[in-house]
Amino acid sequence: MSEEFIHWVYEQTDDTLFAVELKPDFQFKPPKDSFNKTKCSSCGKYVFDRYLRMKDAKPACIPCSGY
């Protein structure tokens, strides 16, 4: 039964399988500050801001910061 269904799905067009429509009330808002990154002042690697620590008033990754 499952193999028969898989073949049926492969044979269908995109229009048959998917319905794409606009959602008038939808507004995309990326997660705040979740993907911002900064260069470590010690090793030079880029680190996500949530994993940065401050060492001598400069941004540092966790290994370089000593935490």
PDB file of N, CA and C in Angstrom:
ATOM      1  N   MET A   1       0.825  -1.201   0.000  1.00  0.00           N
ATOM      2  CA  MET A   1       0.000   0.000   0.000  1.00  0.00           C
ATOM      3  C   MET A   1       0.861   1.255   0.000  1.00  0.00           C
ATOM      4  N   SER A   2       1.908   1.324   0.824  1.00  0.00           N
ATOM      5  CA  SER A   2       2.692   2.545   0.902  1.00  0.00           C
ATOM      6  C   SER A   2       3.491   2.785  -0.381  1.00  0.00           C
ATOM      7  N   GLU A   3       4.013   1.741  -1.007  1.00  0.00           N
ATOM      8  CA  GLU A   3       4.765   1.922  -2.248  1.00  0.00           C
ATOM      9  C   GLU A   3       3.854   2.434  -3.358  1.00  0.00           C
ATOM     10  N   GLU A   4       2.642   1.949  -3.399  1.00  0.00           N
ATOM     11  CA  GLU A   4       1.673   2.409  -4.389  1.00  0.00           C
ATOM     12  C   GLU A   4       1.372   3.902  -4.187  1.00  0.00           C
ATOM     13  N   PHE A   5       1.232   4.313  -2.956  1.00  0.00           N
ATOM     14  CA  PHE A   5       0.965   5.722  -2.651  1.00  0.00           C
ATOM     15  C   PHE A   5       2.160   6.598  -3.025  1.00  0.00           C
ATOM     16  N   ILE A   6       3.366   6.143  -2.745  1.00  0.00           N
ATOM     17  CA  ILE A   6       4.573   6.911  -3.087  1.00  0.00           C
ATOM     18  C   ILE A   6       4.639   7.136  -4.593  1.00  0.00           C
ATOM     19  N   HIS A   7       4.386   6.115  -5.370  1.00  0.00           N
ATOM     20  CA  HIS A   7       4.389   6.266  -6.832  1.00  0.00           C
ATOM     21  C   HIS A   7       3.301   7.228  -7.280  1.00  0.00           C
ATOM     22  N   TRP A   8       2.151   7.176  -6.653  1.00  0.00           N
ATOM     23  CA  TRP A   8       1.072   8.096  -7.013  1.00  0.00           C
ATOM     24  C   TRP A   8       1.497   9.545  -6.759  1.00  0.00           C
ATOM     25  N   VAL A   9       2.138   9.789  -5.616  1.00  0.00           N
ATOM     26  CA  VAL A   9       2.581  11.151  -5.283  1.00  0.00           C
ATOM     27  C   VAL A   9       3.602  11.642  -6.303  1.00  0.00           C
ATOM     28  N   TYR A  10       4.556  10.792  -6.675  1.00  0.00           N
ATOM     29  CA  TYR A  10       5.574  11.184  -7.653  1.00  0.00           C
ATOM     30  C   TYR A  10       4.977  11.547  -9.007  1.00  0.00           C
ATOM     31  N   GLU A  11       3.864  10.967  -9.342  1.00  0.00           N
ATOM     32  CA  GLU A  11       3.250  11.200 -10.651  1.00  0.00           C
ATOM     33  C   GLU A  11       2.388  12.465 -10.692  1.00  0.00           C
ATOM     34  N   GLN A  12       2.097  13.064  -9.563  1.00  0.00           N
ATOM     35  CA  GLN A  12       1.207  14.223  -9.513  1.00  0.00           C
ATOM     36  C   GLN A  12       1.961  15.513  -9.836  1.00  0.00           C
ATOM     37  N   THR A  13       1.222  16.487 -10.330  1.00  0.00           N
ATOM     38  CA  THR A  13       1.806  17.811 -10.584  1.00  0.00           C
ATOM     39  C   THR A  13       1.819  18.612  -9.279  1.00  0.00           C
ATOM     40  N   ASP A  14       2.620  19.656  -9.259  1.00  0.00           N
ATOM     41  CA  ASP A  14       2.665  20.525  -8.083  1.00  0.00           C
ATOM     42  C   ASP A  14       1.301  21.154  -7.800  1.00  0.00           C
ATOM     43  N   ASP A  15       0.588  21.525  -8.855  1.00  0.00           N
ATOM     44  CA  ASP A  15      -0.734  22.140  -8.677  1.00  0.00           C
ATOM     45  C   ASP A  15      -1.721  21.188  -8.002  1.00  0.00           C
ATOM     46  N   THR A  16      -1.559  19.910  -8.245  1.00  0.00           N
ATOM     47  CA  THR A  16      -2.439  18.919  -7.629  1.00  0.00           C
ATOM     48  C   THR A  16      -2.130  18.757  -6.140  1.00  0.00           C
ATOM     49  N   LEU A  17      -0.854  18.782  -5.805  1.00  0.00           N
ATOM     50  CA  LEU A  17      -0.435  18.497  -4.424  1.00  0.00           C
ATOM     51  C   LEU A  17      -0.437  19.710  -3.506  1.00  0.00           C
ATOM     52  N   PHE A  18      -0.169  20.901  -4.069  1.00  0.00           N
ATOM     53  CA  PHE A  18       0.033  22.076  -3.218  1.00  0.00           C
ATOM     54  C   PHE A  18      -0.927  23.198  -3.583  1.00  0.00           C
ATOM     55  N   ALA A  19      -1.365  23.903  -2.570  1.00  0.00           N
ATOM     56  CA  ALA A  19      -2.177  25.099  -2.762  1.00  0.00           C
ATOM     57  C   ALA A  19      -1.422  26.267  -2.145  1.00  0.00           C
ATOM     58  N   VAL A  20      -1.012  27.206  -2.983  1.00  0.00           N
ATOM     59  CA  VAL A  20      -0.272  28.372  -2.517  1.00  0.00           C
ATOM     60  C   VAL A  20      -1.214  29.560  -2.534  1.00  0.00           C
ATOM     61  N   GLU A  21      -1.324  30.220  -1.388  1.00  0.00           N
ATOM     62  CA  GLU A  21      -2.214  31.375  -1.311  1.00  0.00           C
ATOM     63  C   GLU A  21      -1.621  32.407  -0.357  1.00  0.00           C
ATOM     64  N   LEU A  22      -1.962  33.650  -0.604  1.00  0.00           N
ATOM     65  CA  LEU A  22      -1.495  34.736   0.247  1.00  0.00           C
ATOM     66  C   LEU A  22      -2.308  34.773   1.531  1.00  0.00           C
ATOM     67  N   LYS A  23      -1.635  35.042   2.617  1.00  0.00           N
ATOM     68  CA  LYS A  23      -2.309  35.229   3.900  1.00  0.00           C
ATOM     69  C   LYS A  23      -2.271  36.717   4.218  1.00  0.00           C
ATOM     70  N   PRO A  24      -3.407  37.403   4.144  1.00  0.00           N
ATOM     71  CA  PRO A  24      -3.410  38.869   4.269  1.00  0.00           C
ATOM     72  C   PRO A  24      -2.925  39.383   5.619  1.00  0.00           C
ATOM     73  N   ASP A  25      -3.097  38.624   6.685  1.00  0.00           N
ATOM     74  CA  ASP A  25      -2.700  39.110   8.009  1.00  0.00           C
ATOM     75  C   ASP A  25      -1.288  38.698   8.400  1.00  0.00           C
ATOM     76  N   PHE A  26      -0.578  37.966   7.537  1.00  0.00           N
ATOM     77  CA  PHE A  26       0.739  37.449   7.884  1.00  0.00           C
ATOM     78  C   PHE A  26       1.825  38.474   7.605  1.00  0.00           C
ATOM     79  N   GLN A  27       2.688  38.692   8.577  1.00  0.00           N
ATOM     80  CA  GLN A  27       3.878  39.536   8.405  1.00  0.00           C
ATOM     81  C   GLN A  27       5.064  38.782   8.988  1.00  0.00           C
ATOM     82  N   PHE A  28       6.078  38.545   8.158  1.00  0.00           N
ATOM     83  CA  PHE A  28       7.254  37.823   8.623  1.00  0.00           C
ATOM     84  C   PHE A  28       8.096  38.722   9.513  1.00  0.00           C
ATOM     85  N   LYS A  29       8.453  38.222  10.679  1.00  0.00           N
ATOM     86  CA  LYS A  29       9.327  38.936  11.601  1.00  0.00           C
ATOM     87  C   LYS A  29      10.411  37.950  12.030  1.00  0.00           C
ATOM     88  N   PRO A  30      11.660  38.162  11.580  1.00  0.00           N
ATOM     89  CA  PRO A  30      12.720  37.242  11.969  1.00  0.00           C
ATOM     90  C   PRO A  30      12.941  37.285  13.478  1.00  0.00           C
ATOM     91  N   PRO A  31      13.368  36.185  14.068  1.00  0.00           N
ATOM     92  CA  PRO A  31      13.627  36.177  15.510  1.00  0.00           C
ATOM     93  C   PRO A  31      14.648  37.241  15.885  1.00  0.00           C
ATOM     94  N   LYS A  32      14.360  37.985  16.914  1.00  0.00           N
ATOM     95  CA  LYS A  32      15.201  39.099  17.317  1.00  0.00           C
ATOM     96  C   LYS A  32      16.559  38.608  17.830  1.00  0.00           C
ATOM     97  N   ASP A  33      17.612  39.118  17.236  1.00  0.00           N
ATOM     98  CA  ASP A  33      18.987  38.890  17.671  1.00  0.00           C
ATOM     99  C   ASP A  33      19.415  37.423  17.685  1.00  0.00           C
ATOM    100  N   SER A  34      18.682  36.532  17.039  1.00  0.00           N
ATOM    101  CA  SER A  34      19.056  35.131  17.149  1.00  0.00           C
ATOM    102  C   SER A  34      20.189  34.736  16.202  1.00  0.00           C
ATOM    103  N   PHE A  35      20.418  35.497  15.125  1.00  0.00           N
ATOM    104  CA  PHE A  35      21.452  35.115  14.177  1.00  0.00           C
ATOM    105  C   PHE A  35      22.534  36.178  14.017  1.00  0.00           C
ATOM    106  N   ASN A  36      22.555  37.178  14.884  1.00  0.00           N
ATOM    107  CA  ASN A  36      23.606  38.178  14.809  1.00  0.00           C
ATOM    108  C   ASN A  36      24.906  37.563  15.298  1.00  0.00           C
ATOM    109  N   LYS A  37      26.007  37.918  14.638  1.00  0.00           N
ATOM    110  CA  LYS A  37      27.292  37.381  15.057  1.00  0.00           C
ATOM    111  C   LYS A  37      28.346  38.474  15.058  1.00  0.00           C
ATOM    112  N   THR A  38      29.368  38.272  15.861  1.00  0.00           N
ATOM    113  CA  THR A  38      30.443  39.234  16.031  1.00  0.00           C
ATOM    114  C   THR A  38      31.764  38.484  16.050  1.00  0.00           C
ATOM    115  N   LYS A  39      32.811  39.133  15.599  1.00  0.00           N
ATOM    116  CA  LYS A  39      34.141  38.535  15.570  1.00  0.00           C
ATOM    117  C   LYS A  39      34.779  38.583  16.958  1.00  0.00           C
ATOM    118  N   CYS A  40      35.332  37.457  17.394  1.00  0.00           N
ATOM    119  CA  CYS A  40      36.036  37.403  18.675  1.00  0.00           C
ATOM    120  C   CYS A  40      37.290  38.254  18.574  1.00  0.00           C
ATOM    121  N   SER A  41      37.538  39.088  19.568  1.00  0.00           N
ATOM    122  CA  SER A  41      38.694  39.975  19.537  1.00  0.00           C
ATOM    123  C   SER A  41      40.005  39.230  19.770  1.00  0.00           C
ATOM    124  N   SER A  42      39.935  38.008  20.284  1.00  0.00           N
ATOM    125  CA  SER A  42      41.166  37.251  20.548  1.00  0.00           C
ATOM    126  C   SER A  42      41.542  36.313  19.396  1.00  0.00           C
ATOM    127  N   CYS A  43      40.631  35.410  19.026  1.00  0.00           N
ATOM    128  CA  CYS A  43      40.971  34.398  18.016  1.00  0.00           C
ATOM    129  C   CYS A  43      40.501  34.760  16.611  1.00  0.00           C
ATOM    130  N   GLY A  44      39.576  35.719  16.484  1.00  0.00           N
ATOM    131  CA  GLY A  44      39.109  36.155  15.175  1.00  0.00           C
ATOM    132  C   GLY A  44      37.966  35.346  14.597  1.00  0.00           C
ATOM    133  N   LYS A  45      37.485  34.336  15.323  1.00  0.00           N
ATOM    134  CA  LYS A  45      36.364  33.545  14.830  1.00  0.00           C
ATOM    135  C   LYS A  45      35.064  34.305  15.047  1.00  0.00           C
ATOM    136  N   TYR A  46      34.088  34.068  14.152  1.00  0.00           N
ATOM    137  CA  TYR A  46      32.781  34.674  14.326  1.00  0.00           C
ATOM    138  C   TYR A  46      31.949  33.823  15.274  1.00  0.00           C
ATOM    139  N   VAL A  47      31.251  34.502  16.196  1.00  0.00           N
ATOM    140  CA  VAL A  47      30.481  33.839  17.240  1.00  0.00           C
ATOM    141  C   VAL A  47      29.103  34.474  17.292  1.00  0.00           C
ATOM    142  N   PHE A  48      28.055  33.640  17.473  1.00  0.00           N
ATOM    143  CA  PHE A  48      26.723  34.200  17.669  1.00  0.00           C
ATOM    144  C   PHE A  48      26.731  35.061  18.925  1.00  0.00           C
ATOM    145  N   ASP A  49      26.068  36.210  18.844  1.00  0.00           N
ATOM    146  CA  ASP A  49      26.101  37.187  19.942  1.00  0.00           C
ATOM    147  C   ASP A  49      25.678  36.609  21.282  1.00  0.00           C
ATOM    148  N   ARG A  50      24.753  35.667  21.265  1.00  0.00           N
ATOM    149  CA  ARG A  50      24.301  35.119  22.545  1.00  0.00           C
ATOM    150  C   ARG A  50      25.382  34.289  23.231  1.00  0.00           C
ATOM    151  N   TYR A  51      26.446  33.909  22.495  1.00  0.00           N
ATOM    152  CA  TYR A  51      27.539  33.143  23.093  1.00  0.00           C
ATOM    153  C   TYR A  51      28.782  33.996  23.337  1.00  0.00           C
ATOM    154  N   LEU A  52      28.691  35.285  23.103  1.00  0.00           N
ATOM    155  CA  LEU A  52      29.826  36.176  23.345  1.00  0.00           C
ATOM    156  C   LEU A  52      29.934  36.544  24.815  1.00  0.00           C
ATOM    157  N   ARG A  53      31.126  36.746  25.263  1.00  0.00           N
ATOM    158  CA  ARG A  53      31.399  37.266  26.599  1.00  0.00           C
ATOM    159  C   ARG A  53      32.290  38.491  26.432  1.00  0.00           C
ATOM    160  N   MET A  54      32.301  39.348  27.404  1.00  0.00           N
ATOM    161  CA  MET A  54      33.154  40.529  27.343  1.00  0.00           C
ATOM    162  C   MET A  54      34.408  40.288  28.180  1.00  0.00           C
ATOM    163  N   LYS A  55      35.550  40.517  27.585  1.00  0.00           N
ATOM    164  CA  LYS A  55      36.833  40.380  28.287  1.00  0.00           C
ATOM    165  C   LYS A  55      37.638  41.631  27.981  1.00  0.00           C
ATOM    166  N   ASP A  56      37.993  42.362  29.021  1.00  0.00           N
ATOM    167  CA  ASP A  56      38.713  43.641  28.873  1.00  0.00           C
ATOM    168  C   ASP A  56      37.950  44.586  27.940  1.00  0.00           C
ATOM    169  N   ALA A  57      36.632  44.627  28.102  1.00  0.00           N
ATOM    170  CA  ALA A  57      35.721  45.493  27.342  1.00  0.00           C
ATOM    171  C   ALA A  57      35.720  45.183  25.855  1.00  0.00           C
ATOM    172  N   LYS A  58      36.117  43.948  25.467  1.00  0.00           N
ATOM    173  CA  LYS A  58      36.104  43.545  24.061  1.00  0.00           C
ATOM    174  C   LYS A  58      35.326  42.221  23.965  1.00  0.00           C
ATOM    175  N   PRO A  59      34.637  41.996  22.834  1.00  0.00           N
ATOM    176  CA  PRO A  59      33.884  40.752  22.674  1.00  0.00           C
ATOM    177  C   PRO A  59      34.838  39.556  22.497  1.00  0.00           C
ATOM    178  N   ALA A  60      34.522  38.467  23.197  1.00  0.00           N
ATOM    179  CA  ALA A  60      35.359  37.267  23.111  1.00  0.00           C
ATOM    180  C   ALA A  60      34.450  36.037  23.119  1.00  0.00           C
ATOM    181  N   CYS A  61      34.883  34.975  22.419  1.00  0.00           N
ATOM    182  CA  CYS A  61      34.157  33.727  22.462  1.00  0.00           C
ATOM    183  C   CYS A  61      34.370  33.095  23.833  1.00  0.00           C
ATOM    184  N   ILE A  62      33.590  32.091  24.151  1.00  0.00           N
ATOM    185  CA  ILE A  62      33.656  31.489  25.489  1.00  0.00           C
ATOM    186  C   ILE A  62      35.046  30.920  25.792  1.00  0.00           C
ATOM    187  N   PRO A  63      35.678  30.163  24.881  1.00  0.00           N
ATOM    188  CA  PRO A  63      37.017  29.655  25.212  1.00  0.00           C
ATOM    189  C   PRO A  63      38.040  30.762  25.454  1.00  0.00           C
ATOM    190  N   CYS A  64      37.998  31.822  24.635  1.00  0.00           N
ATOM    191  CA  CYS A  64      38.969  32.919  24.798  1.00  0.00           C
ATOM    192  C   CYS A  64      38.668  33.768  26.025  1.00  0.00           C
ATOM    193  N   SER A  65      37.409  33.778  26.459  1.00  0.00           N
ATOM    194  CA  SER A  65      37.046  34.634  27.596  1.00  0.00           C
ATOM    195  C   SER A  65      37.444  34.018  28.933  1.00  0.00           C
ATOM    196  N   GLY A  66      37.656  32.703  28.929  1.00  0.00           N
ATOM    197  CA  GLY A  66      38.043  32.048  30.178  1.00  0.00           C
ATOM    198  C   GLY A  66      36.871  31.572  31.013  1.00  0.00           C
ATOM    199  N   TYR A  67      35.645  31.699  30.510  1.00  0.00           N
ATOM    200  CA  TYR A  67      34.466  31.225  31.269  1.00  0.00           C
ATOM    201  C   TYR A  67      34.381  29.727  31.180  1.00  0.00           C
TER     202      TYR A  67
END
